[in-house]
Amino acid sequence: MNGPSLGRLLALLCSALSLILLEPRVVVPAWAAEELSAETIAKALKGRKTRSGPGDEVAAKEIEELKRTRKTRAWNLHDRTQLAEVTRNLPQIDVEILFAFDSADISPEALPALDKLGTALSQDEFKGTAFVLAGHADAKGTSEYNQSLSERRAEAVKRYLKEKFDLGTNDLMTVGYGFEQLKDPDHPLSEVNRRVQVVNFSK
């Protein structure tokens, strides 16, 4: 018989239903400054409170271990892979931050988006909350070059937020993924891959 078997179709249907029934995380596309608001960012980063289970306890332990590691050194490839996995379902938002070409210098056009981000992170409800600022690049250029560039860009965002909004250094952790975590892997050179991801890193 041509095509998938009845058993295969039933398995695919059950898998799809399980994804629909799971508590969804807030997923927001990369926002440009004119589309963005502090309220939009805050809402995405608050997410939804869900009932905790064994998986959440494991994730919480991994998060605390990653936090301790980051205080002593930069996250390496193994750490970054673990970080991407453990933060996959945490509240987060992608923000379009424009940089000077081939540089970690923040462009003037990026300031409105950064100011809205800083306003959101400064809200009282986020006091004591840890956030990860993750820099991402497209796949143009070498892995080593894009890794370094994405790290420097994430640090530039952290420095701006710290200086203008007095956000604590311990509340903002940075990581550069280079092109390890493409948003659109089918189009590795797409501009949607060039972004700063903000993740609520408290569990």
C-alpha atoms as a PDB file:
ATOM      1  CA  MET A   1       0.000   0.000   0.000  1.00  0.00           C
ATOM      2  CA  ASN A   2       1.322   3.425  -0.946  1.00  0.00           C
ATOM      3  CA  GLY A   3       1.576   6.200   1.630  1.00  0.00           C
ATOM      4  CA  PRO A   4       1.938   5.982   5.390  1.00  0.00           C
ATOM      5  CA  SER A   5       0.211   3.188   7.295  1.00  0.00           C
ATOM      6  CA  LEU A   6      -2.813   3.796   9.527  1.00  0.00           C
ATOM      7  CA  GLY A   7      -0.612   3.239  12.588  1.00  0.00           C
ATOM      8  CA  ARG A   8       1.871   5.850  11.378  1.00  0.00           C
ATOM      9  CA  LEU A   9      -0.920   8.367  10.741  1.00  0.00           C
ATOM     10  CA  LEU A  10      -2.331   7.798  14.222  1.00  0.00           C
ATOM     11  CA  ALA A  11       1.119   8.305  15.773  1.00  0.00           C
ATOM     12  CA  LEU A  12       1.579  11.581  13.898  1.00  0.00           C
ATOM     13  CA  LEU A  13      -1.892  12.750  14.964  1.00  0.00           C
ATOM     14  CA  CYS A  14      -1.185  11.957  18.629  1.00  0.00           C
ATOM     15  CA  SER A  15       2.126  13.801  18.430  1.00  0.00           C
ATOM     16  CA  ALA A  16       0.454  16.869  16.966  1.00  0.00           C
ATOM     17  CA  LEU A  17      -2.270  16.818  19.600  1.00  0.00           C
ATOM     18  CA  SER A  18       0.289  16.591  22.390  1.00  0.00           C
ATOM     19  CA  LEU A  19       2.010  19.726  21.081  1.00  0.00           C
ATOM     20  CA  ILE A  20      -1.292  21.589  20.952  1.00  0.00           C
ATOM     21  CA  LEU A  21      -2.217  20.575  24.489  1.00  0.00           C
ATOM     22  CA  LEU A  22       1.108  21.551  26.011  1.00  0.00           C
ATOM     23  CA  GLU A  23       1.250  24.935  27.781  1.00  0.00           C
ATOM     24  CA  PRO A  24       2.694  27.209  25.076  1.00  0.00           C
ATOM     25  CA  ARG A  25       5.453  29.712  25.672  1.00  0.00           C
ATOM     26  CA  VAL A  26       5.111  33.254  24.456  1.00  0.00           C
ATOM     27  CA  VAL A  27       6.725  33.349  21.038  1.00  0.00           C
ATOM     28  CA  VAL A  28       7.253  36.753  19.481  1.00  0.00           C
ATOM     29  CA  PRO A  29       9.035  37.411  16.169  1.00  0.00           C
ATOM     30  CA  ALA A  30      11.993  39.745  15.945  1.00  0.00           C
ATOM     31  CA  TRP A  31      10.464  43.155  16.514  1.00  0.00           C
ATOM     32  CA  ALA A  32      11.601  46.320  14.819  1.00  0.00           C
ATOM     33  CA  ALA A  33      11.676  49.517  16.896  1.00  0.00           C
ATOM     34  CA  GLU A  34       8.550  51.027  15.339  1.00  0.00           C
ATOM     35  CA  GLU A  35       6.530  47.887  16.184  1.00  0.00           C
ATOM     36  CA  LEU A  36       7.890  47.447  19.680  1.00  0.00           C
ATOM     37  CA  SER A  37       6.679  48.713  23.042  1.00  0.00           C
ATOM     38  CA  ALA A  38       7.905  48.241  26.595  1.00  0.00           C
ATOM     39  CA  GLU A  39       4.561  46.594  27.372  1.00  0.00           C
ATOM     40  CA  THR A  40       5.027  44.089  24.544  1.00  0.00           C
ATOM     41  CA  ILE A  41       8.471  43.155  25.854  1.00  0.00           C
ATOM     42  CA  ALA A  42       7.324  42.869  29.473  1.00  0.00           C
ATOM     43  CA  LYS A  43       4.371  40.685  28.522  1.00  0.00           C
ATOM     44  CA  ALA A  44       6.582  38.319  26.515  1.00  0.00           C
ATOM     45  CA  LEU A  45       9.141  38.057  29.318  1.00  0.00           C
ATOM     46  CA  LYS A  46       6.561  37.368  32.016  1.00  0.00           C
ATOM     47  CA  GLY A  47       5.200  34.372  30.174  1.00  0.00           C
ATOM     48  CA  ARG A  48       2.732  32.084  31.889  1.00  0.00           C
ATOM     49  CA  LYS A  49       2.966  30.389  35.248  1.00  0.00           C
ATOM     50  CA  THR A  50       2.707  26.644  34.886  1.00  0.00           C
ATOM     51  CA  ARG A  51       2.477  23.768  37.315  1.00  0.00           C
ATOM     52  CA  SER A  52       5.965  22.525  38.118  1.00  0.00           C
ATOM     53  CA  GLY A  53       7.032  18.934  37.609  1.00  0.00           C
ATOM     54  CA  PRO A  54      10.193  16.776  37.596  1.00  0.00           C
ATOM     55  CA  GLY A  55      11.302  18.272  34.285  1.00  0.00           C
ATOM     56  CA  ASP A  56      11.064  21.786  35.696  1.00  0.00           C
ATOM     57  CA  GLU A  57      13.176  20.806  38.705  1.00  0.00           C
ATOM     58  CA  VAL A  58      15.899  19.441  36.425  1.00  0.00           C
ATOM     59  CA  ALA A  59      15.783  22.585  34.286  1.00  0.00           C
ATOM     60  CA  ALA A  60      15.997  24.799  37.388  1.00  0.00           C
ATOM     61  CA  LYS A  61      19.140  22.958  38.533  1.00  0.00           C
ATOM     62  CA  GLU A  62      20.708  23.293  35.090  1.00  0.00           C
ATOM     63  CA  ILE A  63      19.923  27.011  35.049  1.00  0.00           C
ATOM     64  CA  GLU A  64      21.552  27.552  38.438  1.00  0.00           C
ATOM     65  CA  GLU A  65      24.623  25.620  37.324  1.00  0.00           C
ATOM     66  CA  LEU A  66      24.883  27.716  34.150  1.00  0.00           C
ATOM     67  CA  LYS A  67      24.575  30.890  36.233  1.00  0.00           C
ATOM     68  CA  ARG A  68      27.434  29.775  38.499  1.00  0.00           C
ATOM     69  CA  THR A  69      29.571  28.920  35.474  1.00  0.00           C
ATOM     70  CA  ARG A  70      28.928  32.308  33.843  1.00  0.00           C
ATOM     71  CA  LYS A  71      30.175  34.134  36.946  1.00  0.00           C
ATOM     72  CA  THR A  72      33.613  32.606  36.482  1.00  0.00           C
ATOM     73  CA  ARG A  73      34.015  32.398  32.703  1.00  0.00           C
ATOM     74  CA  ALA A  74      32.275  32.735  29.350  1.00  0.00           C
ATOM     75  CA  TRP A  75      30.018  29.896  28.296  1.00  0.00           C
ATOM     76  CA  ASN A  76      31.776  27.477  25.949  1.00  0.00           C
ATOM     77  CA  LEU A  77      30.184  25.478  23.116  1.00  0.00           C
ATOM     78  CA  HIS A  78      28.932  22.769  25.460  1.00  0.00           C
ATOM     79  CA  ASP A  79      27.454  25.393  27.792  1.00  0.00           C
ATOM     80  CA  ARG A  80      25.827  27.247  24.908  1.00  0.00           C
ATOM     81  CA  THR A  81      24.203  24.064  23.636  1.00  0.00           C
ATOM     82  CA  GLN A  82      22.858  23.332  27.107  1.00  0.00           C
ATOM     83  CA  LEU A  83      21.728  26.952  27.483  1.00  0.00           C
ATOM     84  CA  ALA A  84      19.799  26.881  24.197  1.00  0.00           C
ATOM     85  CA  GLU A  85      18.032  23.704  25.256  1.00  0.00           C
ATOM     86  CA  VAL A  86      17.171  24.727  28.808  1.00  0.00           C
ATOM     87  CA  THR A  87      15.863  28.152  27.736  1.00  0.00           C
ATOM     88  CA  ARG A  88      13.828  26.871  24.810  1.00  0.00           C
ATOM     89  CA  ASN A  89      10.523  27.123  26.690  1.00  0.00           C
ATOM     90  CA  LEU A  90      11.339  30.061  28.937  1.00  0.00           C
ATOM     91  CA  PRO A  91       9.672  33.457  28.368  1.00  0.00           C
ATOM     92  CA  GLN A  92      11.653  35.332  25.726  1.00  0.00           C
ATOM     93  CA  ILE A  93      11.522  37.823  22.887  1.00  0.00           C
ATOM     94  CA  ASP A  94      13.637  38.546  19.820  1.00  0.00           C
ATOM     95  CA  VAL A  95      14.444  42.206  19.298  1.00  0.00           C
ATOM     96  CA  GLU A  96      15.857  43.701  16.114  1.00  0.00           C
ATOM     97  CA  ILE A  97      18.942  45.660  17.159  1.00  0.00           C
ATOM     98  CA  LEU A  98      20.786  47.401  14.346  1.00  0.00           C
ATOM     99  CA  PHE A  99      24.566  47.601  14.455  1.00  0.00           C
ATOM    100  CA  ALA A 100      27.077  49.325  12.251  1.00  0.00           C
ATOM    101  CA  PHE A 101      28.152  47.010   9.440  1.00  0.00           C
ATOM    102  CA  ASP A 102      30.654  44.373  10.541  1.00  0.00           C
ATOM    103  CA  SER A 103      30.834  46.016  13.964  1.00  0.00           C
ATOM    104  CA  ALA A 104      29.584  45.806  17.540  1.00  0.00           C
ATOM    105  CA  ASP A 105      28.856  49.547  17.569  1.00  0.00           C
ATOM    106  CA  ILE A 106      25.160  50.156  18.219  1.00  0.00           C
ATOM    107  CA  SER A 107      23.651  52.294  15.470  1.00  0.00           C
ATOM    108  CA  PRO A 108      21.523  55.356  16.295  1.00  0.00           C
ATOM    109  CA  GLU A 109      18.558  53.589  14.692  1.00  0.00           C
ATOM    110  CA  ALA A 110      18.763  50.886  17.387  1.00  0.00           C
ATOM    111  CA  LEU A 111      18.360  53.265  20.332  1.00  0.00           C
ATOM    112  CA  PRO A 112      14.519  53.378  20.360  1.00  0.00           C
ATOM    113  CA  ALA A 113      14.323  49.582  20.602  1.00  0.00           C
ATOM    114  CA  LEU A 114      17.000  49.492  23.299  1.00  0.00           C
ATOM    115  CA  ASP A 115      15.244  52.196  25.296  1.00  0.00           C
ATOM    116  CA  LYS A 116      12.002  50.239  25.202  1.00  0.00           C
ATOM    117  CA  LEU A 117      13.871  47.109  26.257  1.00  0.00           C
ATOM    118  CA  GLY A 118      15.527  48.965  29.134  1.00  0.00           C
ATOM    119  CA  THR A 119      12.182  50.414  30.245  1.00  0.00           C
ATOM    120  CA  ALA A 120      10.636  46.946  30.288  1.00  0.00           C
ATOM    121  CA  LEU A 121      13.498  45.334  32.220  1.00  0.00           C
ATOM    122  CA  SER A 122      13.447  48.175  34.762  1.00  0.00           C
ATOM    123  CA  GLN A 123       9.908  47.416  35.878  1.00  0.00           C
ATOM    124  CA  ASP A 124       9.514  46.604  39.574  1.00  0.00           C
ATOM    125  CA  GLU A 125       8.152  43.137  38.827  1.00  0.00           C
ATOM    126  CA  PHE A 126      11.496  42.179  37.248  1.00  0.00           C
ATOM    127  CA  LYS A 127      13.671  43.236  40.200  1.00  0.00           C
ATOM    128  CA  GLY A 128      16.033  40.387  41.036  1.00  0.00           C
ATOM    129  CA  THR A 129      15.236  38.629  37.751  1.00  0.00           C
ATOM    130  CA  ALA A 130      18.134  37.350  35.679  1.00  0.00           C
ATOM    131  CA  PHE A 131      18.067  37.794  31.918  1.00  0.00           C
ATOM    132  CA  VAL A 132      20.208  36.380  29.133  1.00  0.00           C
ATOM    133  CA  LEU A 133      21.073  38.686  26.255  1.00  0.00           C
ATOM    134  CA  ALA A 134      21.923  36.377  23.372  1.00  0.00           C
ATOM    135  CA  GLY A 135      23.541  37.678  20.211  1.00  0.00           C
ATOM    136  CA  HIS A 136      22.826  35.836  16.964  1.00  0.00           C
ATOM    137  CA  ALA A 137      24.311  36.192  13.496  1.00  0.00           C
ATOM    138  CA  ASP A 138      23.518  34.921  10.032  1.00  0.00           C
ATOM    139  CA  ALA A 139      25.731  32.324   8.379  1.00  0.00           C
ATOM    140  CA  LYS A 140      27.824  34.693   6.281  1.00  0.00           C
ATOM    141  CA  GLY A 141      31.506  34.435   7.242  1.00  0.00           C
ATOM    142  CA  THR A 142      33.380  31.971   9.387  1.00  0.00           C
ATOM    143  CA  SER A 143      32.083  30.366  12.551  1.00  0.00           C
ATOM    144  CA  GLU A 144      34.879  31.894  14.644  1.00  0.00           C
ATOM    145  CA  TYR A 145      34.303  35.397  13.306  1.00  0.00           C
ATOM    146  CA  ASN A 146      30.533  35.329  13.814  1.00  0.00           C
ATOM    147  CA  GLN A 147      30.937  33.855  17.272  1.00  0.00           C
ATOM    148  CA  SER A 148      33.174  36.726  18.336  1.00  0.00           C
ATOM    149  CA  LEU A 149      30.961  39.340  16.681  1.00  0.00           C
ATOM    150  CA  SER A 150      27.771  38.040  18.296  1.00  0.00           C
ATOM    151  CA  GLU A 151      29.455  38.009  21.725  1.00  0.00           C
ATOM    152  CA  ARG A 152      30.639  41.610  21.333  1.00  0.00           C
ATOM    153  CA  ARG A 153      27.216  42.740  20.179  1.00  0.00           C
ATOM    154  CA  ALA A 154      25.511  41.124  23.164  1.00  0.00           C
ATOM    155  CA  GLU A 155      28.024  42.835  25.455  1.00  0.00           C
ATOM    156  CA  ALA A 156      27.342  46.171  23.750  1.00  0.00           C
ATOM    157  CA  VAL A 157      23.614  45.809  24.483  1.00  0.00           C
ATOM    158  CA  LYS A 158      24.353  44.916  28.112  1.00  0.00           C
ATOM    159  CA  ARG A 159      26.666  47.909  28.501  1.00  0.00           C
ATOM    160  CA  TYR A 160      24.034  50.291  27.105  1.00  0.00           C
ATOM    161  CA  LEU A 161      21.289  48.943  29.382  1.00  0.00           C
ATOM    162  CA  LYS A 162      23.556  49.054  32.417  1.00  0.00           C
ATOM    163  CA  GLU A 163      24.727  52.607  31.804  1.00  0.00           C
ATOM    164  CA  LYS A 164      21.375  54.168  30.868  1.00  0.00           C
ATOM    165  CA  PHE A 165      18.964  52.160  33.039  1.00  0.00           C
ATOM    166  CA  ASP A 166      21.262  51.200  35.906  1.00  0.00           C
ATOM    167  CA  LEU A 167      20.427  47.525  35.516  1.00  0.00           C
ATOM    168  CA  GLY A 168      22.606  45.335  37.716  1.00  0.00           C
ATOM    169  CA  THR A 169      25.476  43.508  36.077  1.00  0.00           C
ATOM    170  CA  ASN A 170      24.429  40.272  37.771  1.00  0.00           C
ATOM    171  CA  ASP A 171      20.940  40.597  36.298  1.00  0.00           C
ATOM    172  CA  LEU A 172      22.205  40.600  32.712  1.00  0.00           C
ATOM    173  CA  MET A 173      24.229  37.715  31.330  1.00  0.00           C
ATOM    174  CA  THR A 174      25.461  37.661  27.762  1.00  0.00           C
ATOM    175  CA  VAL A 175      26.127  34.906  25.281  1.00  0.00           C
ATOM    176  CA  GLY A 176      27.021  34.877  21.622  1.00  0.00           C
ATOM    177  CA  TYR A 177      25.716  32.034  19.481  1.00  0.00           C
ATOM    178  CA  GLY A 178      27.210  33.103  16.170  1.00  0.00           C
ATOM    179  CA  PHE A 179      25.140  31.103  13.703  1.00  0.00           C
ATOM    180  CA  GLU A 180      24.740  28.050  15.958  1.00  0.00           C
ATOM    181  CA  GLN A 181      21.054  28.780  16.613  1.00  0.00           C
ATOM    182  CA  LEU A 182      19.622  30.124  13.380  1.00  0.00           C
ATOM    183  CA  LYS A 183      16.051  31.364  13.627  1.00  0.00           C
ATOM    184  CA  ASP A 184      15.488  30.382   9.998  1.00  0.00           C
ATOM    185  CA  PRO A 185      17.878  27.508   9.215  1.00  0.00           C
ATOM    186  CA  ASP A 186      16.352  27.056   5.759  1.00  0.00           C
ATOM    187  CA  HIS A 187      17.569  30.576   4.882  1.00  0.00           C
ATOM    188  CA  PRO A 188      20.871  30.919   6.773  1.00  0.00           C
ATOM    189  CA  LEU A 189      21.716  34.315   5.243  1.00  0.00           C
ATOM    190  CA  SER A 190      18.328  35.843   6.054  1.00  0.00           C
ATOM    191  CA  GLU A 191      18.286  39.023   8.123  1.00  0.00           C
ATOM    192  CA  VAL A 192      15.874  37.396  10.607  1.00  0.00           C
ATOM    193  CA  ASN A 193      18.866  35.445  11.902  1.00  0.00           C
ATOM    194  CA  ARG A 194      20.615  38.686  12.942  1.00  0.00           C
ATOM    195  CA  ARG A 195      18.979  39.474  16.255  1.00  0.00           C
ATOM    196  CA  VAL A 196      19.292  39.844  19.992  1.00  0.00           C
ATOM    197  CA  GLN A 197      17.305  37.333  21.995  1.00  0.00           C
ATOM    198  CA  VAL A 198      16.238  38.284  25.536  1.00  0.00           C
ATOM    199  CA  VAL A 199      15.375  35.382  27.845  1.00  0.00           C
ATOM    200  CA  ASN A 200      13.932  35.460  31.348  1.00  0.00           C
ATOM    201  CA  PHE A 201      16.543  33.249  33.026  1.00  0.00           C
ATOM    202  CA  SER A 202      14.834  32.893  36.400  1.00  0.00           C
ATOM    203  CA  LYS A 203      13.157  29.604  37.219  1.00  0.00           C
END
